[in-house]
Amino acid sequence: MGKYQQEWKLMLQKEEAFKDWKIRSSGGDLLIRVPEDTDMDVLKMQFSDLIGPLAALIKSPKTSLKFYVGTTTEADFIFTLN
């Protein structure tokens, strides 16, 4: 796991708003499982706004990172951070 990916994972895990999210790494990506009652259409539209404030706190050099987000082991959507 790269340092950039590690920082994102730690930031998301520390954030109270995401306490119900299960976050793990896979290769160079992050896999995020959210509670089953999550409205995935709304989350998809608001995802960048939700994680955006954390981006300024990441100190590692930026690399491309994919967030696979879903309520099950299958991703409902993929968010790519370039």
PDB file of N, CA and C in Angstrom:
ATOM      1  N   MET A   1       0.851  -1.172   0.000  1.00  0.00           N
ATOM      2  CA  MET A   1       0.000   0.000   0.000  1.00  0.00           C
ATOM      3  C   MET A   1       0.896   1.233   0.000  1.00  0.00           C
ATOM      4  N   GLY A   2       0.606   2.160  -0.908  1.00  0.00           N
ATOM      5  CA  GLY A   2       1.387   3.385  -0.997  1.00  0.00           C
ATOM      6  C   GLY A   2       1.064   4.347   0.136  1.00  0.00           C
ATOM      7  N   LYS A   3       1.966   5.271   0.367  1.00  0.00           N
ATOM      8  CA  LYS A   3       1.798   6.228   1.460  1.00  0.00           C
ATOM      9  C   LYS A   3       0.550   7.104   1.260  1.00  0.00           C
ATOM     10  N   TYR A   4       0.311   7.537   0.024  1.00  0.00           N
ATOM     11  CA  TYR A   4      -0.865   8.357  -0.275  1.00  0.00           C
ATOM     12  C   TYR A   4      -2.148   7.584   0.067  1.00  0.00           C
ATOM     13  N   GLN A   5      -2.192   6.329  -0.357  1.00  0.00           N
ATOM     14  CA  GLN A   5      -3.340   5.472  -0.070  1.00  0.00           C
ATOM     15  C   GLN A   5      -3.500   5.273   1.441  1.00  0.00           C
ATOM     16  N   GLN A   6      -2.399   5.057   2.143  1.00  0.00           N
ATOM     17  CA  GLN A   6      -2.439   4.872   3.595  1.00  0.00           C
ATOM     18  C   GLN A   6      -3.008   6.104   4.288  1.00  0.00           C
ATOM     19  N   GLU A   7      -2.562   7.274   3.865  1.00  0.00           N
ATOM     20  CA  GLU A   7      -3.064   8.503   4.484  1.00  0.00           C
ATOM     21  C   GLU A   7      -4.561   8.656   4.279  1.00  0.00           C
ATOM     22  N   TRP A   8      -5.032   8.373   3.065  1.00  0.00           N
ATOM     23  CA  TRP A   8      -6.472   8.464   2.805  1.00  0.00           C
ATOM     24  C   TRP A   8      -7.238   7.488   3.689  1.00  0.00           C
ATOM     25  N   LYS A   9      -6.751   6.268   3.772  1.00  0.00           N
ATOM     26  CA  LYS A   9      -7.424   5.254   4.579  1.00  0.00           C
ATOM     27  C   LYS A   9      -7.508   5.709   6.036  1.00  0.00           C
ATOM     28  N   LEU A  10      -6.408   6.182   6.588  1.00  0.00           N
ATOM     29  CA  LEU A  10      -6.393   6.640   7.979  1.00  0.00           C
ATOM     30  C   LEU A  10      -7.315   7.833   8.192  1.00  0.00           C
ATOM     31  N   MET A  11      -7.303   8.780   7.271  1.00  0.00           N
ATOM     32  CA  MET A  11      -8.165   9.964   7.395  1.00  0.00           C
ATOM     33  C   MET A  11      -9.640   9.570   7.400  1.00  0.00           C
ATOM     34  N   LEU A  12     -10.011   8.687   6.486  1.00  0.00           N
ATOM     35  CA  LEU A  12     -11.408   8.254   6.418  1.00  0.00           C
ATOM     36  C   LEU A  12     -11.804   7.483   7.664  1.00  0.00           C
ATOM     37  N   GLN A  13     -10.913   6.654   8.188  1.00  0.00           N
ATOM     38  CA  GLN A  13     -11.219   5.869   9.381  1.00  0.00           C
ATOM     39  C   GLN A  13     -11.339   6.739  10.619  1.00  0.00           C
ATOM     40  N   LYS A  14     -10.601   7.826  10.676  1.00  0.00           N
ATOM     41  CA  LYS A  14     -10.638   8.720  11.838  1.00  0.00           C
ATOM     42  C   LYS A  14     -11.852   9.640  11.841  1.00  0.00           C
ATOM     43  N   GLU A  15     -12.387   9.902  10.671  1.00  0.00           N
ATOM     44  CA  GLU A  15     -13.477  10.864  10.526  1.00  0.00           C
ATOM     45  C   GLU A  15     -14.782  10.295  11.110  1.00  0.00           C
ATOM     46  N   GLU A  16     -15.355  10.996  12.051  1.00  0.00           N
ATOM     47  CA  GLU A  16     -16.580  10.553  12.737  1.00  0.00           C
ATOM     48  C   GLU A  16     -17.736  10.313  11.752  1.00  0.00           C
ATOM     49  N   ALA A  17     -17.824  11.132  10.721  1.00  0.00           N
ATOM     50  CA  ALA A  17     -18.915  11.005   9.750  1.00  0.00           C
ATOM     51  C   ALA A  17     -18.885   9.670   9.005  1.00  0.00           C
ATOM     52  N   PHE A  18     -17.715   9.032   8.957  1.00  0.00           N
ATOM     53  CA  PHE A  18     -17.564   7.788   8.215  1.00  0.00           C
ATOM     54  C   PHE A  18     -17.344   6.592   9.135  1.00  0.00           C
ATOM     55  N   LYS A  19     -17.714   6.708  10.388  1.00  0.00           N
ATOM     56  CA  LYS A  19     -17.433   5.645  11.368  1.00  0.00           C
ATOM     57  C   LYS A  19     -18.092   4.318  11.011  1.00  0.00           C
ATOM     58  N   ASP A  20     -19.179   4.337  10.266  1.00  0.00           N
ATOM     59  CA  ASP A  20     -19.876   3.103   9.881  1.00  0.00           C
ATOM     60  C   ASP A  20     -19.341   2.503   8.581  1.00  0.00           C
ATOM     61  N   TRP A  21     -18.380   3.169   7.965  1.00  0.00           N
ATOM     62  CA  TRP A  21     -17.800   2.664   6.728  1.00  0.00           C
ATOM     63  C   TRP A  21     -16.714   1.655   7.048  1.00  0.00           C
ATOM     64  N   LYS A  22     -16.644   0.592   6.289  1.00  0.00           N
ATOM     65  CA  LYS A  22     -15.566  -0.381   6.398  1.00  0.00           C
ATOM     66  C   LYS A  22     -14.617  -0.095   5.237  1.00  0.00           C
ATOM     67  N   ILE A  23     -13.383   0.239   5.566  1.00  0.00           N
ATOM     68  CA  ILE A  23     -12.423   0.680   4.560  1.00  0.00           C
ATOM     69  C   ILE A  23     -11.223  -0.251   4.570  1.00  0.00           C
ATOM     70  N   ARG A  24     -10.894  -0.752   3.394  1.00  0.00           N
ATOM     71  CA  ARG A  24      -9.688  -1.577   3.296  1.00  0.00           C
ATOM     72  C   ARG A  24      -8.998  -1.261   1.979  1.00  0.00           C
ATOM     73  N   SER A  25      -7.745  -1.642   1.929  1.00  0.00           N
ATOM     74  CA  SER A  25      -6.971  -1.378   0.722  1.00  0.00           C
ATOM     75  C   SER A  25      -6.881  -2.639  -0.120  1.00  0.00           C
ATOM     76  N   SER A  26      -6.730  -2.426  -1.407  1.00  0.00           N
ATOM     77  CA  SER A  26      -6.560  -3.528  -2.346  1.00  0.00           C
ATOM     78  C   SER A  26      -5.695  -3.014  -3.485  1.00  0.00           C
ATOM     79  N   GLY A  27      -4.469  -3.521  -3.556  1.00  0.00           N
ATOM     80  CA  GLY A  27      -3.554  -2.987  -4.556  1.00  0.00           C
ATOM     81  C   GLY A  27      -3.327  -1.517  -4.270  1.00  0.00           C
ATOM     82  N   GLY A  28      -3.561  -0.679  -5.229  1.00  0.00           N
ATOM     83  CA  GLY A  28      -3.419   0.759  -5.045  1.00  0.00           C
ATOM     84  C   GLY A  28      -4.733   1.474  -4.861  1.00  0.00           C
ATOM     85  N   ASP A  29      -5.789   0.735  -4.552  1.00  0.00           N
ATOM     86  CA  ASP A  29      -7.133   1.294  -4.443  1.00  0.00           C
ATOM     87  C   ASP A  29      -7.674   1.154  -3.028  1.00  0.00           C
ATOM     88  N   LEU A  30      -8.790   1.852  -2.758  1.00  0.00           N
ATOM     89  CA  LEU A  30      -9.490   1.702  -1.490  1.00  0.00           C
ATOM     90  C   LEU A  30     -10.868   1.121  -1.751  1.00  0.00           C
ATOM     91  N   LEU A  31     -11.226   0.124  -0.982  1.00  0.00           N
ATOM     92  CA  LEU A  31     -12.537  -0.498  -1.066  1.00  0.00           C
ATOM     93  C   LEU A  31     -13.335  -0.035   0.145  1.00  0.00           C
ATOM     94  N   ILE A  32     -14.484   0.558  -0.105  1.00  0.00           N
ATOM     95  CA  ILE A  32     -15.299   1.118   0.972  1.00  0.00           C
ATOM     96  C   ILE A  32     -16.671   0.468   0.947  1.00  0.00           C
ATOM     97  N   ARG A  33     -17.028  -0.134   2.068  1.00  0.00           N
ATOM     98  CA  ARG A  33     -18.361  -0.698   2.208  1.00  0.00           C
ATOM     99  C   ARG A  33     -19.136   0.191   3.173  1.00  0.00           C
ATOM    100  N   VAL A  34     -20.249   0.694   2.702  1.00  0.00           N
ATOM    101  CA  VAL A  34     -21.092   1.580   3.507  1.00  0.00           C
ATOM    102  C   VAL A  34     -22.305   0.790   3.995  1.00  0.00           C
ATOM    103  N   PRO A  35     -23.012   1.289   5.020  1.00  0.00           N
ATOM    104  CA  PRO A  35     -24.193   0.574   5.524  1.00  0.00           C
ATOM    105  C   PRO A  35     -25.224   0.322   4.422  1.00  0.00           C
ATOM    106  N   GLU A  36     -25.929  -0.794   4.558  1.00  0.00           N
ATOM    107  CA  GLU A  36     -26.899  -1.212   3.530  1.00  0.00           C
ATOM    108  C   GLU A  36     -28.019  -0.213   3.302  1.00  0.00           C
ATOM    109  N   ASP A  37     -28.355   0.577   4.305  1.00  0.00           N
ATOM    110  CA  ASP A  37     -29.467   1.526   4.152  1.00  0.00           C
ATOM    111  C   ASP A  37     -29.033   2.851   3.511  1.00  0.00           C
ATOM    112  N   THR A  38     -27.799   2.921   3.032  1.00  0.00           N
ATOM    113  CA  THR A  38     -27.283   4.126   2.386  1.00  0.00           C
ATOM    114  C   THR A  38     -27.930   4.321   1.022  1.00  0.00           C
ATOM    115  N   ASP A  39     -28.366   5.540   0.742  1.00  0.00           N
ATOM    116  CA  ASP A  39     -28.894   5.870  -0.584  1.00  0.00           C
ATOM    117  C   ASP A  39     -27.694   6.072  -1.500  1.00  0.00           C
ATOM    118  N   MET A  40     -27.389   5.089  -2.302  1.00  0.00           N
ATOM    119  CA  MET A  40     -26.177   5.103  -3.108  1.00  0.00           C
ATOM    120  C   MET A  40     -26.204   6.177  -4.200  1.00  0.00           C
ATOM    121  N   ASP A  41     -27.367   6.520  -4.706  1.00  0.00           N
ATOM    122  CA  ASP A  41     -27.444   7.578  -5.717  1.00  0.00           C
ATOM    123  C   ASP A  41     -27.025   8.919  -5.111  1.00  0.00           C
ATOM    124  N   VAL A  42     -27.494   9.188  -3.907  1.00  0.00           N
ATOM    125  CA  VAL A  42     -27.137  10.434  -3.219  1.00  0.00           C
ATOM    126  C   VAL A  42     -25.653  10.421  -2.868  1.00  0.00           C
ATOM    127  N   LEU A  43     -25.166   9.301  -2.332  1.00  0.00           N
ATOM    128  CA  LEU A  43     -23.756   9.212  -1.962  1.00  0.00           C
ATOM    129  C   LEU A  43     -22.864   9.422  -3.177  1.00  0.00           C
ATOM    130  N   LYS A  44     -23.232   8.844  -4.300  1.00  0.00           N
ATOM    131  CA  LYS A  44     -22.432   9.000  -5.519  1.00  0.00           C
ATOM    132  C   LYS A  44     -22.353  10.468  -5.929  1.00  0.00           C
ATOM    133  N   MET A  45     -23.465  11.177  -5.855  1.00  0.00           N
ATOM    134  CA  MET A  45     -23.491  12.586  -6.236  1.00  0.00           C
ATOM    135  C   MET A  45     -22.714  13.457  -5.250  1.00  0.00           C
ATOM    136  N   GLN A  46     -22.700  13.080  -3.971  1.00  0.00           N
ATOM    137  CA  GLN A  46     -22.080  13.908  -2.936  1.00  0.00           C
ATOM    138  C   GLN A  46     -20.695  13.435  -2.509  1.00  0.00           C
ATOM    139  N   PHE A  47     -20.195  12.356  -3.085  1.00  0.00           N
ATOM    140  CA  PHE A  47     -18.955  11.750  -2.605  1.00  0.00           C
ATOM    141  C   PHE A  47     -17.777  12.725  -2.620  1.00  0.00           C
ATOM    142  N   SER A  48     -17.605  13.432  -3.717  1.00  0.00           N
ATOM    143  CA  SER A  48     -16.466  14.360  -3.785  1.00  0.00           C
ATOM    144  C   SER A  48     -16.596  15.470  -2.748  1.00  0.00           C
ATOM    145  N   ASP A  49     -17.803  15.927  -2.476  1.00  0.00           N
ATOM    146  CA  ASP A  49     -18.018  16.954  -1.451  1.00  0.00           C
ATOM    147  C   ASP A  49     -17.742  16.407  -0.051  1.00  0.00           C
ATOM    148  N   LEU A  50     -18.029  15.131   0.159  1.00  0.00           N
ATOM    149  CA  LEU A  50     -17.802  14.519   1.474  1.00  0.00           C
ATOM    150  C   LEU A  50     -16.323  14.329   1.779  1.00  0.00           C
ATOM    151  N   ILE A  51     -15.576  13.863   0.785  1.00  0.00           N
ATOM    152  CA  ILE A  51     -14.161  13.584   1.048  1.00  0.00           C
ATOM    153  C   ILE A  51     -13.255  14.767   0.710  1.00  0.00           C
ATOM    154  N   GLY A  52     -13.765  15.737  -0.015  1.00  0.00           N
ATOM    155  CA  GLY A  52     -12.982  16.885  -0.450  1.00  0.00           C
ATOM    156  C   GLY A  52     -12.229  17.602   0.667  1.00  0.00           C
ATOM    157  N   PRO A  53     -12.877  17.908   1.794  1.00  0.00           N
ATOM    158  CA  PRO A  53     -12.170  18.615   2.869  1.00  0.00           C
ATOM    159  C   PRO A  53     -10.958  17.848   3.411  1.00  0.00           C
ATOM    160  N   LEU A  54     -10.969  16.536   3.282  1.00  0.00           N
ATOM    161  CA  LEU A  54      -9.844  15.735   3.774  1.00  0.00           C
ATOM    162  C   LEU A  54      -8.632  15.838   2.854  1.00  0.00           C
ATOM    163  N   ALA A  55      -8.855  16.137   1.599  1.00  0.00           N
ATOM    164  CA  ALA A  55      -7.763  16.184   0.625  1.00  0.00           C
ATOM    165  C   ALA A  55      -6.679  17.180   1.035  1.00  0.00           C
ATOM    166  N   ALA A  56      -7.077  18.291   1.618  1.00  0.00           N
ATOM    167  CA  ALA A  56      -6.102  19.303   2.025  1.00  0.00           C
ATOM    168  C   ALA A  56      -5.219  18.817   3.168  1.00  0.00           C
ATOM    169  N   LEU A  57      -5.658  17.807   3.889  1.00  0.00           N
ATOM    170  CA  LEU A  57      -4.914  17.290   5.036  1.00  0.00           C
ATOM    171  C   LEU A  57      -3.896  16.224   4.654  1.00  0.00           C
ATOM    172  N   ILE A  58      -3.984  15.716   3.425  1.00  0.00           N
ATOM    173  CA  ILE A  58      -3.077  14.675   2.953  1.00  0.00           C
ATOM    174  C   ILE A  58      -1.736  15.314   2.593  1.00  0.00           C
ATOM    175  N   LYS A  59      -0.677  14.814   3.174  1.00  0.00           N
ATOM    176  CA  LYS A  59       0.649  15.407   2.985  1.00  0.00           C
ATOM    177  C   LYS A  59       1.496  14.693   1.921  1.00  0.00           C
ATOM    178  N   SER A  60       1.202  13.446   1.635  1.00  0.00           N
ATOM    179  CA  SER A  60       1.987  12.674   0.664  1.00  0.00           C
ATOM    180  C   SER A  60       1.781  13.213  -0.750  1.00  0.00           C
ATOM    181  N   PRO A  61       2.772  13.004  -1.610  1.00  0.00           N
ATOM    182  CA  PRO A  61       2.594  13.395  -3.017  1.00  0.00           C
ATOM    183  C   PRO A  61       1.364  12.689  -3.603  1.00  0.00           C
ATOM    184  N   LYS A  62       0.596  13.439  -4.342  1.00  0.00           N
ATOM    185  CA  LYS A  62      -0.655  12.916  -4.879  1.00  0.00           C
ATOM    186  C   LYS A  62      -0.404  11.952  -6.037  1.00  0.00           C
ATOM    187  N   THR A  63      -1.151  10.871  -6.019  1.00  0.00           N
ATOM    188  CA  THR A  63      -1.152   9.902  -7.100  1.00  0.00           C
ATOM    189  C   THR A  63      -2.602   9.568  -7.409  1.00  0.00           C
ATOM    190  N   SER A  64      -2.837   8.877  -8.491  1.00  0.00           N
ATOM    191  CA  SER A  64      -4.192   8.458  -8.829  1.00  0.00           C
ATOM    192  C   SER A  64      -4.655   7.411  -7.819  1.00  0.00           C
ATOM    193  N   LEU A  65      -5.880   7.534  -7.369  1.00  0.00           N
ATOM    194  CA  LEU A  65      -6.448   6.623  -6.377  1.00  0.00           C
ATOM    195  C   LEU A  65      -7.911   6.380  -6.714  1.00  0.00           C
ATOM    196  N   LYS A  66      -8.308   5.117  -6.701  1.00  0.00           N
ATOM    197  CA  LYS A  66      -9.703   4.775  -6.964  1.00  0.00           C
ATOM    198  C   LYS A  66     -10.358   4.334  -5.670  1.00  0.00           C
ATOM    199  N   PHE A  67     -11.575   4.823  -5.457  1.00  0.00           N
ATOM    200  CA  PHE A  67     -12.408   4.433  -4.329  1.00  0.00           C
ATOM    201  C   PHE A  67     -13.541   3.586  -4.896  1.00  0.00           C
ATOM    202  N   TYR A  68     -13.583   2.323  -4.521  1.00  0.00           N
ATOM    203  CA  TYR A  68     -14.675   1.436  -4.928  1.00  0.00           C
ATOM    204  C   TYR A  68     -15.666   1.442  -3.781  1.00  0.00           C
ATOM    205  N   VAL A  69     -16.855   1.991  -4.020  1.00  0.00           N
ATOM    206  CA  VAL A  69     -17.819   2.219  -2.946  1.00  0.00           C
ATOM    207  C   VAL A  69     -19.085   1.410  -3.203  1.00  0.00           C
ATOM    208  N   GLY A  70     -19.540   0.692  -2.173  1.00  0.00           N
ATOM    209  CA  GLY A  70     -20.756  -0.093  -2.303  1.00  0.00           C
ATOM    210  C   GLY A  70     -21.302  -0.545  -0.962  1.00  0.00           C
ATOM    211  N   THR A  71     -22.474  -1.137  -0.996  1.00  0.00           N
ATOM    212  CA  THR A  71     -23.103  -1.652   0.220  1.00  0.00           C
ATOM    213  C   THR A  71     -22.802  -3.130   0.413  1.00  0.00           C
ATOM    214  N   THR A  72     -22.238  -3.758  -0.611  1.00  0.00           N
ATOM    215  CA  THR A  72     -21.862  -5.171  -0.552  1.00  0.00           C
ATOM    216  C   THR A  72     -20.435  -5.287  -1.063  1.00  0.00           C
ATOM    217  N   THR A  73     -19.999  -6.493  -1.339  1.00  0.00           N
ATOM    218  CA  THR A  73     -18.657  -6.664  -1.882  1.00  0.00           C
ATOM    219  C   THR A  73     -18.546  -6.140  -3.317  1.00  0.00           C
ATOM    220  N   GLU A  74     -19.679  -5.915  -3.963  1.00  0.00           N
ATOM    221  CA  GLU A  74     -19.690  -5.331  -5.310  1.00  0.00           C
ATOM    222  C   GLU A  74     -19.780  -3.809  -5.194  1.00  0.00           C
ATOM    223  N   ALA A  75     -18.965  -3.106  -5.953  1.00  0.00           N
ATOM    224  CA  ALA A  75     -18.989  -1.648  -5.928  1.00  0.00           C
ATOM    225  C   ALA A  75     -20.214  -1.118  -6.670  1.00  0.00           C
ATOM    226  N   ASP A  76     -20.910  -0.175  -6.036  1.00  0.00           N
ATOM    227  CA  ASP A  76     -22.022   0.506  -6.691  1.00  0.00           C
ATOM    228  C   ASP A  76     -21.507   1.613  -7.604  1.00  0.00           C
ATOM    229  N   PHE A  77     -20.356   2.191  -7.217  1.00  0.00           N
ATOM    230  CA  PHE A  77     -19.727   3.178  -8.079  1.00  0.00           C
ATOM    231  C   PHE A  77     -18.237   3.248  -7.758  1.00  0.00           C
ATOM    232  N   ILE A  78     -17.492   3.789  -8.707  1.00  0.00           N
ATOM    233  CA  ILE A  78     -16.050   3.976  -8.560  1.00  0.00           C
ATOM    234  C   ILE A  78     -15.780   5.462  -8.687  1.00  0.00           C
ATOM    235  N   PHE A  79     -15.083   5.993  -7.698  1.00  0.00           N
ATOM    236  CA  PHE A  79     -14.678   7.399  -7.716  1.00  0.00           C
ATOM    237  C   PHE A  79     -13.171   7.439  -7.902  1.00  0.00           C
ATOM    238  N   THR A  80     -12.712   8.131  -8.952  1.00  0.00           N
ATOM    239  CA  THR A  80     -11.276   8.208  -9.210  1.00  0.00           C
ATOM    240  C   THR A  80     -10.772   9.588  -8.831  1.00  0.00           C
ATOM    241  N   LEU A  81      -9.746   9.593  -8.019  1.00  0.00           N
ATOM    242  CA  LEU A  81      -9.108  10.831  -7.585  1.00  0.00           C
ATOM    243  C   LEU A  81      -7.781  10.924  -8.329  1.00  0.00           C
ATOM    244  N   ASN A  82      -7.643  11.929  -9.174  1.00  0.00           N
ATOM    245  CA  ASN A  82      -6.401  12.094  -9.952  1.00  0.00           C
ATOM    246  C   ASN A  82      -5.532  13.157  -9.350  1.00  0.00           C
TER     247      ASN A  82
END
